Amino acid sequence: MVVIGLVAAWLVTPTASQLQGRVAADAAAGHVVLLERGQVPALLADALVATEDERFFQHHGIDVIGLGRAVSYDAWNRCLCQGGSTLTEQLVKLVYLGDDRGWNKVGDTFLALKLESGLDKHRILADYLSVVPTGAGLTGAPAAACTYFGKPLARLDLAQFALIAGMPQAPYGYDPRFHPDRAAARRTYVLAAMVGEGFITRDEAAAADAQPLLPDPLPAGC
């Protein structure tokens, strides 16, 4: 019965191409820039992976190690502190599952596996960074780049990428316009994670962390 149920769930969930179509439709409806797979700056990808999903390029949609660690942590601390969701699962929740919490546990697993079977990692990163909330009233990394720094995404520096990469966990709570102290602390965390993963050096992290959080005055846009 379990096998039949798993097969049925696989058959009824959307395909990778259908999910990709949903991303494009959501982006168009919200007047959001849909990044192409080659438009994600390498430093931004590194910052996001280091912070949100350190084994993103090794797993196939589900990070068993990360999930097990999150479950153990939550059980020990008697809380729901760590989610263990991969970037692929987060993308699935953003564009398909929404607030349907009863479906999420099973649905995001199958959809994440399907998504990874049909799309490459760089396409998934581009989609994620196109539709993830990045502050109060902001959707996507390009919108954050223009709003916070007045520059296109490709022209940002390490400190600015780190700020944006840290926002998905709490896009409103880490909005630097309204919560600069929290945003600065989160940027520090992202830079430290990048050092831990070997993406940047300690000196590079320290130099980036010493930069102002936002320009003064705030830009009017790109």
N, C-alpha and C. Protein backbone atom coordinates (compact mmCIF):
# COMPACT_ATOMS: atom_id res chain seq x y z
N MET A 1 0.82 -1.21 0.00
CA MET A 1 0.00 0.00 0.00
C MET A 1 0.86 1.27 0.00
N VAL A 2 1.95 1.20 0.74
CA VAL A 2 2.83 2.37 0.79
C VAL A 2 3.40 2.67 -0.59
N VAL A 3 3.82 1.59 -1.29
CA VAL A 3 4.38 1.77 -2.63
C VAL A 3 3.34 2.34 -3.58
N ILE A 4 2.12 1.84 -3.50
CA ILE A 4 1.05 2.34 -4.35
C ILE A 4 0.80 3.82 -4.08
N GLY A 5 0.80 4.17 -2.80
CA GLY A 5 0.59 5.56 -2.44
C GLY A 5 1.68 6.47 -2.96
N LEU A 6 2.93 6.00 -2.89
CA LEU A 6 4.04 6.79 -3.39
C LEU A 6 3.97 6.97 -4.90
N VAL A 7 3.62 5.90 -5.59
CA VAL A 7 3.48 5.98 -7.05
C VAL A 7 2.36 6.94 -7.42
N ALA A 8 1.23 6.84 -6.70
CA ALA A 8 0.10 7.73 -6.98
C ALA A 8 0.47 9.19 -6.75
N ALA A 9 1.21 9.45 -5.66
CA ALA A 9 1.61 10.83 -5.37
C ALA A 9 2.54 11.36 -6.46
N TRP A 10 3.41 10.48 -6.94
CA TRP A 10 4.33 10.89 -8.01
C TRP A 10 3.56 11.24 -9.28
N LEU A 11 2.53 10.46 -9.58
CA LEU A 11 1.77 10.65 -10.81
C LEU A 11 0.90 11.90 -10.77
N VAL A 12 0.37 12.23 -9.59
CA VAL A 12 -0.58 13.35 -9.54
C VAL A 12 0.11 14.70 -9.33
N THR A 13 1.36 14.71 -8.91
CA THR A 13 2.05 15.99 -8.74
C THR A 13 2.53 16.52 -10.09
N PRO A 14 2.62 17.83 -10.24
CA PRO A 14 3.03 18.42 -11.52
C PRO A 14 4.44 18.03 -11.93
N THR A 15 4.71 18.13 -13.21
CA THR A 15 6.04 17.85 -13.73
C THR A 15 6.94 19.07 -13.55
N ALA A 16 8.24 18.87 -13.81
CA ALA A 16 9.19 19.98 -13.71
C ALA A 16 8.83 21.10 -14.69
N SER A 17 8.42 20.74 -15.89
CA SER A 17 8.08 21.77 -16.88
C SER A 17 6.84 22.55 -16.47
N GLN A 18 5.88 21.87 -15.84
CA GLN A 18 4.69 22.56 -15.36
C GLN A 18 5.03 23.54 -14.24
N LEU A 19 5.93 23.11 -13.37
CA LEU A 19 6.35 23.99 -12.28
C LEU A 19 7.13 25.18 -12.82
N GLN A 20 7.97 24.95 -13.82
CA GLN A 20 8.71 26.03 -14.45
C GLN A 20 7.75 27.02 -15.09
N GLY A 21 6.68 26.52 -15.71
CA GLY A 21 5.67 27.40 -16.27
C GLY A 21 4.99 28.23 -15.21
N ARG A 22 4.76 27.64 -14.05
CA ARG A 22 4.14 28.38 -12.95
C ARG A 22 5.05 29.51 -12.47
N VAL A 23 6.35 29.26 -12.42
CA VAL A 23 7.31 30.30 -12.03
C VAL A 23 7.23 31.47 -13.01
N ALA A 24 7.26 31.16 -14.30
CA ALA A 24 7.21 32.21 -15.31
C ALA A 24 5.89 32.98 -15.24
N ALA A 25 4.78 32.26 -15.02
CA ALA A 25 3.48 32.92 -14.93
C ALA A 25 3.39 33.83 -13.72
N ASP A 26 3.89 33.35 -12.58
CA ASP A 26 3.88 34.16 -11.37
C ASP A 26 4.74 35.41 -11.54
N ALA A 27 5.88 35.25 -12.19
CA ALA A 27 6.77 36.38 -12.41
C ALA A 27 6.11 37.42 -13.31
N ALA A 28 5.47 36.96 -14.36
CA ALA A 28 4.79 37.88 -15.28
C ALA A 28 3.64 38.59 -14.60
N ALA A 29 2.85 37.84 -13.82
CA ALA A 29 1.70 38.43 -13.15
C ALA A 29 2.12 39.48 -12.12
N GLY A 30 3.25 39.24 -11.48
CA GLY A 30 3.72 40.19 -10.47
C GLY A 30 4.70 41.21 -10.99
N HIS A 31 4.88 41.26 -12.33
CA HIS A 31 5.82 42.19 -12.96
C HIS A 31 7.22 42.04 -12.35
N VAL A 32 7.60 40.79 -12.14
CA VAL A 32 8.88 40.46 -11.54
C VAL A 32 9.85 40.03 -12.64
N VAL A 33 11.11 40.42 -12.50
CA VAL A 33 12.14 40.02 -13.45
C VAL A 33 12.44 38.53 -13.26
N LEU A 34 12.27 37.74 -14.32
CA LEU A 34 12.60 36.32 -14.26
C LEU A 34 14.04 36.14 -14.76
N LEU A 35 14.92 35.82 -13.84
CA LEU A 35 16.33 35.67 -14.19
C LEU A 35 16.54 34.46 -15.09
N GLU A 36 17.46 34.60 -16.03
CA GLU A 36 17.89 33.46 -16.82
C GLU A 36 18.95 32.70 -16.03
N ARG A 37 19.18 31.46 -16.41
CA ARG A 37 20.08 30.62 -15.62
C ARG A 37 21.50 31.16 -15.55
N GLY A 38 21.91 31.97 -16.52
CA GLY A 38 23.26 32.52 -16.51
C GLY A 38 23.35 33.91 -15.88
N GLN A 39 22.26 34.39 -15.32
CA GLN A 39 22.23 35.75 -14.78
C GLN A 39 22.37 35.82 -13.27
N VAL A 40 22.61 34.70 -12.63
CA VAL A 40 22.82 34.70 -11.18
C VAL A 40 24.31 34.89 -10.90
N PRO A 41 24.72 35.99 -10.32
CA PRO A 41 26.14 36.20 -10.03
C PRO A 41 26.69 35.08 -9.13
N ALA A 42 27.91 34.67 -9.41
CA ALA A 42 28.49 33.54 -8.67
C ALA A 42 28.57 33.81 -7.17
N LEU A 43 28.92 35.04 -6.78
CA LEU A 43 29.02 35.35 -5.36
C LEU A 43 27.66 35.28 -4.67
N LEU A 44 26.61 35.68 -5.37
CA LEU A 44 25.27 35.59 -4.80
C LEU A 44 24.86 34.13 -4.63
N ALA A 45 25.15 33.32 -5.64
CA ALA A 45 24.86 31.89 -5.53
C ALA A 45 25.61 31.27 -4.37
N ASP A 46 26.88 31.62 -4.21
CA ASP A 46 27.68 31.10 -3.11
C ASP A 46 27.09 31.51 -1.76
N ALA A 47 26.70 32.78 -1.65
CA ALA A 47 26.15 33.28 -0.39
C ALA A 47 24.85 32.57 -0.04
N LEU A 48 24.00 32.37 -1.03
CA LEU A 48 22.72 31.73 -0.80
C LEU A 48 22.90 30.26 -0.41
N VAL A 49 23.74 29.56 -1.14
CA VAL A 49 23.98 28.14 -0.86
C VAL A 49 24.60 27.97 0.53
N ALA A 50 25.59 28.79 0.87
CA ALA A 50 26.25 28.69 2.17
C ALA A 50 25.27 28.91 3.31
N THR A 51 24.29 29.77 3.09
CA THR A 51 23.36 30.15 4.16
C THR A 51 22.15 29.24 4.25
N GLU A 52 21.58 28.89 3.10
CA GLU A 52 20.30 28.19 3.08
C GLU A 52 20.39 26.69 2.80
N ASP A 53 21.43 26.26 2.08
CA ASP A 53 21.42 24.86 1.61
C ASP A 53 22.83 24.46 1.19
N GLU A 54 23.67 24.15 2.16
CA GLU A 54 25.10 23.97 1.89
C GLU A 54 25.41 22.79 0.99
N ARG A 55 24.48 21.82 0.88
CA ARG A 55 24.70 20.67 0.00
C ARG A 55 23.83 20.75 -1.25
N PHE A 56 23.46 21.97 -1.64
CA PHE A 56 22.58 22.16 -2.78
C PHE A 56 23.09 21.47 -4.04
N PHE A 57 24.37 21.57 -4.31
CA PHE A 57 24.91 21.00 -5.54
C PHE A 57 25.22 19.51 -5.42
N GLN A 58 24.97 18.92 -4.26
CA GLN A 58 25.19 17.48 -4.09
C GLN A 58 23.90 16.67 -4.00
N HIS A 59 22.84 17.25 -3.44
CA HIS A 59 21.62 16.47 -3.26
C HIS A 59 20.73 16.53 -4.51
N HIS A 60 19.65 15.77 -4.47
CA HIS A 60 18.73 15.70 -5.61
C HIS A 60 17.36 16.27 -5.26
N GLY A 61 17.36 17.28 -4.40
CA GLY A 61 16.12 17.93 -4.01
C GLY A 61 15.82 17.80 -2.54
N ILE A 62 16.25 16.70 -1.93
CA ILE A 62 16.03 16.45 -0.52
C ILE A 62 17.39 16.25 0.15
N ASP A 63 17.67 17.01 1.19
CA ASP A 63 18.92 16.89 1.92
C ASP A 63 18.68 16.04 3.17
N VAL A 64 18.95 14.76 3.06
CA VAL A 64 18.68 13.84 4.16
C VAL A 64 19.51 14.20 5.39
N ILE A 65 20.77 14.59 5.17
CA ILE A 65 21.64 14.95 6.29
C ILE A 65 21.10 16.19 7.01
N GLY A 66 20.76 17.21 6.24
CA GLY A 66 20.25 18.43 6.84
C GLY A 66 18.92 18.22 7.54
N LEU A 67 18.06 17.39 6.94
CA LEU A 67 16.76 17.12 7.55
C LEU A 67 16.93 16.37 8.86
N GLY A 68 17.83 15.39 8.87
CA GLY A 68 18.07 14.64 10.10
C GLY A 68 18.62 15.52 11.20
N ARG A 69 19.54 16.42 10.83
CA ARG A 69 20.11 17.34 11.81
C ARG A 69 19.04 18.27 12.37
N ALA A 70 18.15 18.77 11.50
CA ALA A 70 17.09 19.67 11.95
C ALA A 70 16.13 18.97 12.89
N VAL A 71 15.75 17.73 12.56
CA VAL A 71 14.83 16.97 13.41
C VAL A 71 15.46 16.72 14.78
N SER A 72 16.74 16.35 14.80
CA SER A 72 17.44 16.09 16.06
C SER A 72 17.52 17.35 16.91
N TYR A 73 17.83 18.48 16.25
CA TYR A 73 17.94 19.75 16.98
C TYR A 73 16.59 20.13 17.59
N ASP A 74 15.54 20.02 16.79
CA ASP A 74 14.21 20.39 17.27
C ASP A 74 13.76 19.48 18.41
N ALA A 75 14.05 18.18 18.29
CA ALA A 75 13.66 17.25 19.34
C ALA A 75 14.40 17.55 20.63
N TRP A 76 15.68 17.83 20.54
CA TRP A 76 16.48 18.11 21.71
C TRP A 76 16.05 19.41 22.39
N ASN A 77 15.71 20.41 21.57
CA ASN A 77 15.34 21.72 22.12
C ASN A 77 13.84 21.91 22.28
N ARG A 78 13.07 20.87 21.92
CA ARG A 78 11.61 20.91 22.05
C ARG A 78 11.02 22.14 21.36
N CYS A 79 11.38 22.30 20.11
CA CYS A 79 10.89 23.44 19.34
C CYS A 79 10.84 23.05 17.87
N LEU A 80 10.29 23.96 17.06
CA LEU A 80 10.33 23.82 15.61
C LEU A 80 11.24 24.91 15.08
N CYS A 81 12.52 24.79 15.43
CA CYS A 81 13.48 25.86 15.17
C CYS A 81 14.13 25.78 13.80
N GLN A 82 14.36 24.57 13.32
CA GLN A 82 15.05 24.39 12.05
C GLN A 82 14.17 23.61 11.10
N GLY A 83 14.07 24.11 9.85
CA GLY A 83 13.17 23.49 8.90
C GLY A 83 13.78 22.35 8.11
N GLY A 84 15.05 22.45 7.76
CA GLY A 84 15.70 21.41 6.98
C GLY A 84 15.31 21.39 5.51
N SER A 85 14.57 22.41 5.05
CA SER A 85 14.14 22.45 3.66
C SER A 85 15.29 22.89 2.75
N THR A 86 15.40 22.24 1.61
CA THR A 86 16.39 22.64 0.63
C THR A 86 15.89 23.85 -0.16
N LEU A 87 16.77 24.46 -0.94
CA LEU A 87 16.35 25.56 -1.80
C LEU A 87 15.30 25.09 -2.80
N THR A 88 15.43 23.87 -3.27
CA THR A 88 14.46 23.32 -4.22
C THR A 88 13.09 23.19 -3.56
N GLU A 89 13.05 22.69 -2.33
CA GLU A 89 11.78 22.59 -1.61
C GLU A 89 11.20 23.97 -1.33
N GLN A 90 12.06 24.93 -1.00
CA GLN A 90 11.57 26.28 -0.75
C GLN A 90 10.95 26.88 -2.01
N LEU A 91 11.56 26.62 -3.16
CA LEU A 91 11.01 27.11 -4.43
C LEU A 91 9.64 26.49 -4.68
N VAL A 92 9.53 25.20 -4.45
CA VAL A 92 8.25 24.51 -4.63
C VAL A 92 7.17 25.14 -3.76
N LYS A 93 7.49 25.43 -2.52
CA LYS A 93 6.52 26.03 -1.61
C LYS A 93 6.13 27.43 -2.07
N LEU A 94 7.10 28.18 -2.57
CA LEU A 94 6.84 29.55 -3.02
C LEU A 94 5.87 29.60 -4.19
N VAL A 95 6.05 28.72 -5.16
CA VAL A 95 5.31 28.85 -6.41
C VAL A 95 4.15 27.86 -6.57
N TYR A 96 4.09 26.84 -5.72
CA TYR A 96 3.03 25.86 -5.92
C TYR A 96 2.22 25.57 -4.68
N LEU A 97 2.88 25.33 -3.56
CA LEU A 97 2.15 24.86 -2.39
C LEU A 97 1.51 25.98 -1.58
N GLY A 98 2.12 27.14 -1.59
CA GLY A 98 1.55 28.27 -0.87
C GLY A 98 1.35 27.97 0.60
N ASP A 99 0.15 28.23 1.11
CA ASP A 99 -0.15 28.03 2.52
C ASP A 99 -0.86 26.72 2.81
N ASP A 100 -0.85 25.81 1.87
CA ASP A 100 -1.51 24.52 2.08
C ASP A 100 -0.60 23.61 2.90
N ARG A 101 -0.59 23.80 4.21
CA ARG A 101 0.35 23.12 5.08
C ARG A 101 0.09 21.62 5.15
N GLY A 102 -1.13 21.20 4.96
CA GLY A 102 -1.42 19.77 5.00
C GLY A 102 -0.78 19.01 3.85
N TRP A 103 -0.56 19.70 2.74
CA TRP A 103 0.02 19.07 1.56
C TRP A 103 1.54 19.14 1.57
N ASN A 104 2.07 20.11 2.28
CA ASN A 104 3.49 20.42 2.15
C ASN A 104 4.42 19.25 2.41
N LYS A 105 4.22 18.52 3.49
CA LYS A 105 5.19 17.51 3.90
C LYS A 105 5.41 16.46 2.82
N VAL A 106 4.34 16.00 2.21
CA VAL A 106 4.47 15.02 1.14
C VAL A 106 4.68 15.70 -0.19
N GLY A 107 3.90 16.74 -0.45
CA GLY A 107 3.93 17.39 -1.75
C GLY A 107 5.26 18.02 -2.08
N ASP A 108 5.89 18.69 -1.11
CA ASP A 108 7.14 19.36 -1.46
C ASP A 108 8.26 18.36 -1.73
N THR A 109 8.17 17.19 -1.11
CA THR A 109 9.17 16.15 -1.37
C THR A 109 9.10 15.67 -2.81
N PHE A 110 7.90 15.31 -3.25
CA PHE A 110 7.74 14.80 -4.61
C PHE A 110 8.03 15.88 -5.64
N LEU A 111 7.54 17.09 -5.39
CA LEU A 111 7.77 18.16 -6.35
C LEU A 111 9.25 18.55 -6.42
N ALA A 112 9.93 18.53 -5.29
CA ALA A 112 11.36 18.85 -5.30
C ALA A 112 12.13 17.80 -6.10
N LEU A 113 11.81 16.53 -5.90
CA LEU A 113 12.47 15.47 -6.65
C LEU A 113 12.18 15.58 -8.15
N LYS A 114 10.94 15.89 -8.47
CA LYS A 114 10.58 16.05 -9.88
C LYS A 114 11.29 17.26 -10.49
N LEU A 115 11.33 18.35 -9.74
CA LEU A 115 11.96 19.56 -10.25
C LEU A 115 13.43 19.31 -10.57
N GLU A 116 14.11 18.61 -9.68
CA GLU A 116 15.53 18.35 -9.88
C GLU A 116 15.77 17.32 -10.99
N SER A 117 14.78 16.51 -11.28
CA SER A 117 14.95 15.54 -12.36
C SER A 117 14.78 16.19 -13.73
N GLY A 118 14.13 17.38 -13.77
CA GLY A 118 13.85 18.01 -15.05
C GLY A 118 14.57 19.31 -15.31
N LEU A 119 15.12 19.94 -14.25
CA LEU A 119 15.80 21.22 -14.40
C LEU A 119 17.18 21.15 -13.77
N ASP A 120 18.13 21.90 -14.32
CA ASP A 120 19.46 21.88 -13.71
C ASP A 120 19.52 22.85 -12.52
N LYS A 121 20.58 22.73 -11.75
CA LYS A 121 20.70 23.49 -10.51
C LYS A 121 20.71 25.00 -10.76
N HIS A 122 21.35 25.44 -11.82
CA HIS A 122 21.44 26.87 -12.07
C HIS A 122 20.08 27.46 -12.48
N ARG A 123 19.25 26.67 -13.16
CA ARG A 123 17.90 27.12 -13.48
C ARG A 123 17.07 27.24 -12.20
N ILE A 124 17.24 26.29 -11.30
CA ILE A 124 16.52 26.32 -10.02
C ILE A 124 16.92 27.54 -9.20
N LEU A 125 18.22 27.82 -9.15
CA LEU A 125 18.69 29.01 -8.43
C LEU A 125 18.13 30.28 -9.04
N ALA A 126 18.12 30.36 -10.37
CA ALA A 126 17.60 31.55 -11.04
C ALA A 126 16.12 31.75 -10.73
N ASP A 127 15.35 30.65 -10.77
CA ASP A 127 13.93 30.74 -10.46
C ASP A 127 13.71 31.18 -9.01
N TYR A 128 14.46 30.56 -8.11
CA TYR A 128 14.31 30.89 -6.69
C TYR A 128 14.59 32.37 -6.43
N LEU A 129 15.69 32.87 -6.98
CA LEU A 129 16.07 34.26 -6.74
C LEU A 129 15.18 35.25 -7.48
N SER A 130 14.36 34.74 -8.41
CA SER A 130 13.40 35.60 -9.11
C SER A 130 12.13 35.83 -8.30
N VAL A 131 11.72 34.82 -7.52
CA VAL A 131 10.40 34.89 -6.88
C VAL A 131 10.43 34.93 -5.36
N VAL A 132 11.61 34.80 -4.75
CA VAL A 132 11.67 34.80 -3.29
C VAL A 132 11.45 36.23 -2.76
N PRO A 133 10.69 36.40 -1.67
CA PRO A 133 10.54 37.72 -1.07
C PRO A 133 11.88 38.23 -0.54
N THR A 134 12.17 39.50 -0.77
CA THR A 134 13.45 40.08 -0.37
C THR A 134 13.27 41.38 0.40
N GLY A 135 12.15 41.51 1.08
CA GLY A 135 11.90 42.70 1.88
C GLY A 135 10.43 43.08 1.81
N ALA A 136 10.06 44.12 2.55
CA ALA A 136 8.67 44.56 2.58
C ALA A 136 8.25 45.05 1.19
N GLY A 137 7.32 44.32 0.56
CA GLY A 137 6.83 44.70 -0.75
C GLY A 137 7.76 44.37 -1.89
N LEU A 138 8.81 43.63 -1.65
CA LEU A 138 9.79 43.31 -2.69
C LEU A 138 9.79 41.81 -2.99
N THR A 139 9.90 41.49 -4.27
CA THR A 139 10.01 40.10 -4.71
C THR A 139 11.19 39.97 -5.64
N GLY A 140 12.10 39.07 -5.31
CA GLY A 140 13.22 38.77 -6.17
C GLY A 140 14.48 39.57 -5.88
N ALA A 141 15.62 38.96 -6.19
CA ALA A 141 16.91 39.61 -5.98
C ALA A 141 17.09 40.86 -6.84
N PRO A 142 16.64 40.87 -8.12
CA PRO A 142 16.80 42.10 -8.91
C PRO A 142 16.09 43.30 -8.30
N ALA A 143 14.89 43.10 -7.76
CA ALA A 143 14.15 44.19 -7.12
C ALA A 143 14.89 44.69 -5.88
N ALA A 144 15.46 43.77 -5.12
CA ALA A 144 16.21 44.16 -3.92
C ALA A 144 17.44 44.97 -4.30
N ALA A 145 18.14 44.55 -5.35
CA ALA A 145 19.33 45.27 -5.79
C ALA A 145 19.00 46.71 -6.16
N CYS A 146 17.93 46.90 -6.90
CA CYS A 146 17.53 48.25 -7.33
C CYS A 146 17.03 49.09 -6.16
N THR A 147 16.24 48.48 -5.28
CA THR A 147 15.64 49.23 -4.17
C THR A 147 16.66 49.61 -3.12
N TYR A 148 17.52 48.68 -2.73
CA TYR A 148 18.46 48.93 -1.66
C TYR A 148 19.72 49.66 -2.12
N PHE A 149 20.17 49.36 -3.33
CA PHE A 149 21.48 49.86 -3.76
C PHE A 149 21.46 50.69 -5.03
N GLY A 150 20.31 50.74 -5.71
CA GLY A 150 20.20 51.55 -6.92
C GLY A 150 21.03 51.04 -8.08
N LYS A 151 21.32 49.73 -8.08
CA LYS A 151 22.16 49.15 -9.13
C LYS A 151 21.56 47.82 -9.60
N PRO A 152 21.85 47.43 -10.84
CA PRO A 152 21.44 46.10 -11.29
C PRO A 152 22.14 45.03 -10.47
N LEU A 153 21.54 43.87 -10.43
CA LEU A 153 22.07 42.77 -9.62
C LEU A 153 23.52 42.44 -9.96
N ALA A 154 23.87 42.47 -11.23
CA ALA A 154 25.22 42.08 -11.66
C ALA A 154 26.30 43.03 -11.17
N ARG A 155 25.93 44.22 -10.72
CA ARG A 155 26.93 45.22 -10.32
C ARG A 155 27.12 45.30 -8.80
N LEU A 156 26.48 44.43 -8.05
CA LEU A 156 26.63 44.47 -6.60
C LEU A 156 27.96 43.87 -6.16
N ASP A 157 28.34 44.18 -4.92
CA ASP A 157 29.58 43.63 -4.37
C ASP A 157 29.25 42.56 -3.32
N LEU A 158 30.29 42.02 -2.72
CA LEU A 158 30.13 40.91 -1.77
C LEU A 158 29.21 41.28 -0.61
N ALA A 159 29.40 42.45 -0.02
CA ALA A 159 28.58 42.85 1.12
C ALA A 159 27.10 42.93 0.73
N GLN A 160 26.84 43.44 -0.46
CA GLN A 160 25.46 43.59 -0.91
C GLN A 160 24.83 42.25 -1.26
N PHE A 161 25.60 41.36 -1.86
CA PHE A 161 25.10 40.00 -2.12
C PHE A 161 24.78 39.30 -0.80
N ALA A 162 25.64 39.46 0.18
CA ALA A 162 25.42 38.80 1.47
C ALA A 162 24.14 39.29 2.14
N LEU A 163 23.86 40.57 2.01
CA LEU A 163 22.63 41.11 2.59
C LEU A 163 21.40 40.47 1.95
N ILE A 164 21.39 40.40 0.62
CA ILE A 164 20.25 39.84 -0.10
C ILE A 164 20.11 38.35 0.19
N ALA A 165 21.23 37.63 0.21
CA ALA A 165 21.19 36.18 0.44
C ALA A 165 20.66 35.83 1.82
N GLY A 166 20.80 36.73 2.76
CA GLY A 166 20.33 36.45 4.11
C GLY A 166 18.86 36.70 4.34
N MET A 167 18.15 37.25 3.36
CA MET A 167 16.79 37.70 3.59
C MET A 167 15.70 36.65 3.49
N PRO A 168 15.84 35.57 2.70
CA PRO A 168 14.72 34.64 2.53
C PRO A 168 14.15 34.08 3.82
N GLN A 169 14.97 33.88 4.84
CA GLN A 169 14.47 33.30 6.08
C GLN A 169 13.46 34.21 6.77
N ALA A 170 13.65 35.53 6.67
CA ALA A 170 12.73 36.49 7.30
C ALA A 170 12.79 37.80 6.52
N PRO A 171 12.15 37.84 5.34
CA PRO A 171 12.32 39.01 4.46
C PRO A 171 11.87 40.33 5.06
N TYR A 172 10.89 40.31 5.93
CA TYR A 172 10.44 41.55 6.55
C TYR A 172 11.28 41.88 7.79
N GLY A 173 11.59 40.85 8.55
CA GLY A 173 12.40 41.07 9.74
C GLY A 173 13.81 41.51 9.45
N TYR A 174 14.34 41.14 8.28
CA TYR A 174 15.70 41.51 7.90
C TYR A 174 15.74 42.66 6.90
N ASP A 175 14.61 43.31 6.66
CA ASP A 175 14.60 44.44 5.74
C ASP A 175 15.48 45.55 6.31
N PRO A 176 16.56 45.92 5.63
CA PRO A 176 17.51 46.89 6.20
C PRO A 176 16.95 48.30 6.33
N ARG A 177 15.87 48.58 5.63
CA ARG A 177 15.26 49.90 5.74
C ARG A 177 14.55 50.09 7.07
N PHE A 178 14.06 49.00 7.64
CA PHE A 178 13.26 49.08 8.86
C PHE A 178 13.90 48.39 10.06
N HIS A 179 14.78 47.44 9.80
CA HIS A 179 15.44 46.70 10.88
C HIS A 179 16.94 46.59 10.60
N PRO A 180 17.63 47.72 10.59
CA PRO A 180 19.05 47.70 10.21
C PRO A 180 19.93 46.84 11.12
N ASP A 181 19.64 46.81 12.41
CA ASP A 181 20.47 46.01 13.31
C ASP A 181 20.33 44.52 13.01
N ARG A 182 19.10 44.07 12.79
CA ARG A 182 18.89 42.66 12.44
C ARG A 182 19.51 42.34 11.09
N ALA A 183 19.35 43.25 10.14
CA ALA A 183 19.91 43.02 8.81
C ALA A 183 21.43 42.94 8.85
N ALA A 184 22.05 43.80 9.66
CA ALA A 184 23.51 43.78 9.77
C ALA A 184 23.99 42.48 10.41
N ALA A 185 23.29 42.03 11.44
CA ALA A 185 23.66 40.78 12.10
C ALA A 185 23.50 39.60 11.14
N ARG A 186 22.45 39.64 10.34
CA ARG A 186 22.23 38.56 9.38
C ARG A 186 23.31 38.58 8.30
N ARG A 187 23.70 39.76 7.84
CA ARG A 187 24.77 39.85 6.85
C ARG A 187 26.07 39.25 7.41
N THR A 188 26.36 39.54 8.67
CA THR A 188 27.54 38.96 9.32
C THR A 188 27.46 37.45 9.32
N TYR A 189 26.28 36.93 9.61
CA TYR A 189 26.08 35.47 9.63
C TYR A 189 26.34 34.87 8.24
N VAL A 190 25.82 35.50 7.21
CA VAL A 190 26.00 35.00 5.84
C VAL A 190 27.48 34.99 5.46
N LEU A 191 28.17 36.08 5.76
CA LEU A 191 29.59 36.16 5.44
C LEU A 191 30.38 35.07 6.17
N ALA A 192 30.03 34.82 7.43
CA ALA A 192 30.70 33.77 8.19
C ALA A 192 30.43 32.40 7.58
N ALA A 193 29.20 32.19 7.11
CA ALA A 193 28.85 30.92 6.47
C ALA A 193 29.65 30.74 5.18
N MET A 194 29.86 31.82 4.44
CA MET A 194 30.64 31.75 3.22
C MET A 194 32.11 31.39 3.52
N VAL A 195 32.63 31.94 4.60
CA VAL A 195 33.98 31.58 5.02
C VAL A 195 34.03 30.11 5.39
N GLY A 196 33.03 29.65 6.13
CA GLY A 196 32.98 28.26 6.55
C GLY A 196 32.92 27.28 5.40
N GLU A 197 32.30 27.69 4.30
CA GLU A 197 32.21 26.83 3.12
C GLU A 197 33.39 27.01 2.16
N GLY A 198 34.31 27.92 2.50
CA GLY A 198 35.49 28.13 1.67
C GLY A 198 35.25 29.00 0.44
N PHE A 199 34.14 29.73 0.40
CA PHE A 199 33.84 30.57 -0.75
C PHE A 199 34.64 31.88 -0.72
N ILE A 200 34.90 32.40 0.48
CA ILE A 200 35.66 33.64 0.64
C ILE A 200 36.62 33.47 1.82
N THR A 201 37.55 34.40 1.95
CA THR A 201 38.49 34.35 3.06
C THR A 201 37.95 35.17 4.24
N ARG A 202 38.59 35.00 5.38
CA ARG A 202 38.19 35.79 6.56
C ARG A 202 38.43 37.28 6.32
N ASP A 203 39.52 37.61 5.65
CA ASP A 203 39.80 39.02 5.36
C ASP A 203 38.74 39.61 4.44
N GLU A 204 38.31 38.85 3.44
CA GLU A 204 37.26 39.33 2.54
C GLU A 204 35.95 39.53 3.29
N ALA A 205 35.64 38.63 4.19
CA ALA A 205 34.42 38.75 4.99
C ALA A 205 34.48 39.97 5.89
N ALA A 206 35.62 40.18 6.53
CA ALA A 206 35.76 41.32 7.43
C ALA A 206 35.64 42.64 6.67
N ALA A 207 36.23 42.72 5.49
CA ALA A 207 36.14 43.94 4.69
C ALA A 207 34.71 44.21 4.26
N ALA A 208 34.00 43.15 3.85
CA ALA A 208 32.60 43.32 3.44
C ALA A 208 31.73 43.71 4.62
N ASP A 209 32.00 43.13 5.78
CA ASP A 209 31.18 43.41 6.96
C ASP A 209 31.39 44.82 7.49
N ALA A 210 32.49 45.43 7.11
CA ALA A 210 32.77 46.79 7.55
C ALA A 210 32.09 47.84 6.69
N GLN A 211 31.52 47.44 5.57
CA GLN A 211 30.87 48.38 4.67
C GLN A 211 29.53 48.83 5.23
N PRO A 212 29.09 50.04 4.87
CA PRO A 212 27.75 50.49 5.29
C PRO A 212 26.68 49.53 4.77
N LEU A 213 25.62 49.39 5.54
CA LEU A 213 24.57 48.47 5.15
C LEU A 213 23.86 48.94 3.89
N LEU A 214 23.52 50.22 3.83
CA LEU A 214 22.81 50.81 2.70
C LEU A 214 23.44 52.14 2.33
N PRO A 215 23.26 52.58 1.08
CA PRO A 215 23.73 53.92 0.72
C PRO A 215 22.95 55.00 1.48
N ASP A 216 23.56 56.13 1.67
CA ASP A 216 22.89 57.26 2.32
C ASP A 216 23.07 58.50 1.44
N PRO A 217 21.99 58.99 0.82
CA PRO A 217 20.59 58.58 1.00
C PRO A 217 20.27 57.33 0.19
N LEU A 218 19.11 56.75 0.49
CA LEU A 218 18.65 55.59 -0.26
C LEU A 218 18.42 55.96 -1.73
N PRO A 219 18.78 55.09 -2.65
CA PRO A 219 18.59 55.40 -4.09
C PRO A 219 17.12 55.38 -4.46
N ALA A 220 16.83 56.01 -5.58
CA ALA A 220 15.45 56.03 -6.08
C ALA A 220 15.13 54.82 -6.93
N GLY A 221 16.11 53.97 -7.17
CA GLY A 221 15.93 52.79 -8.01
C GLY A 221 17.05 52.69 -9.01
N CYS A 222 16.94 51.73 -9.92
CA CYS A 222 17.99 51.55 -10.93
C CYS A 222 17.87 52.61 -12.03
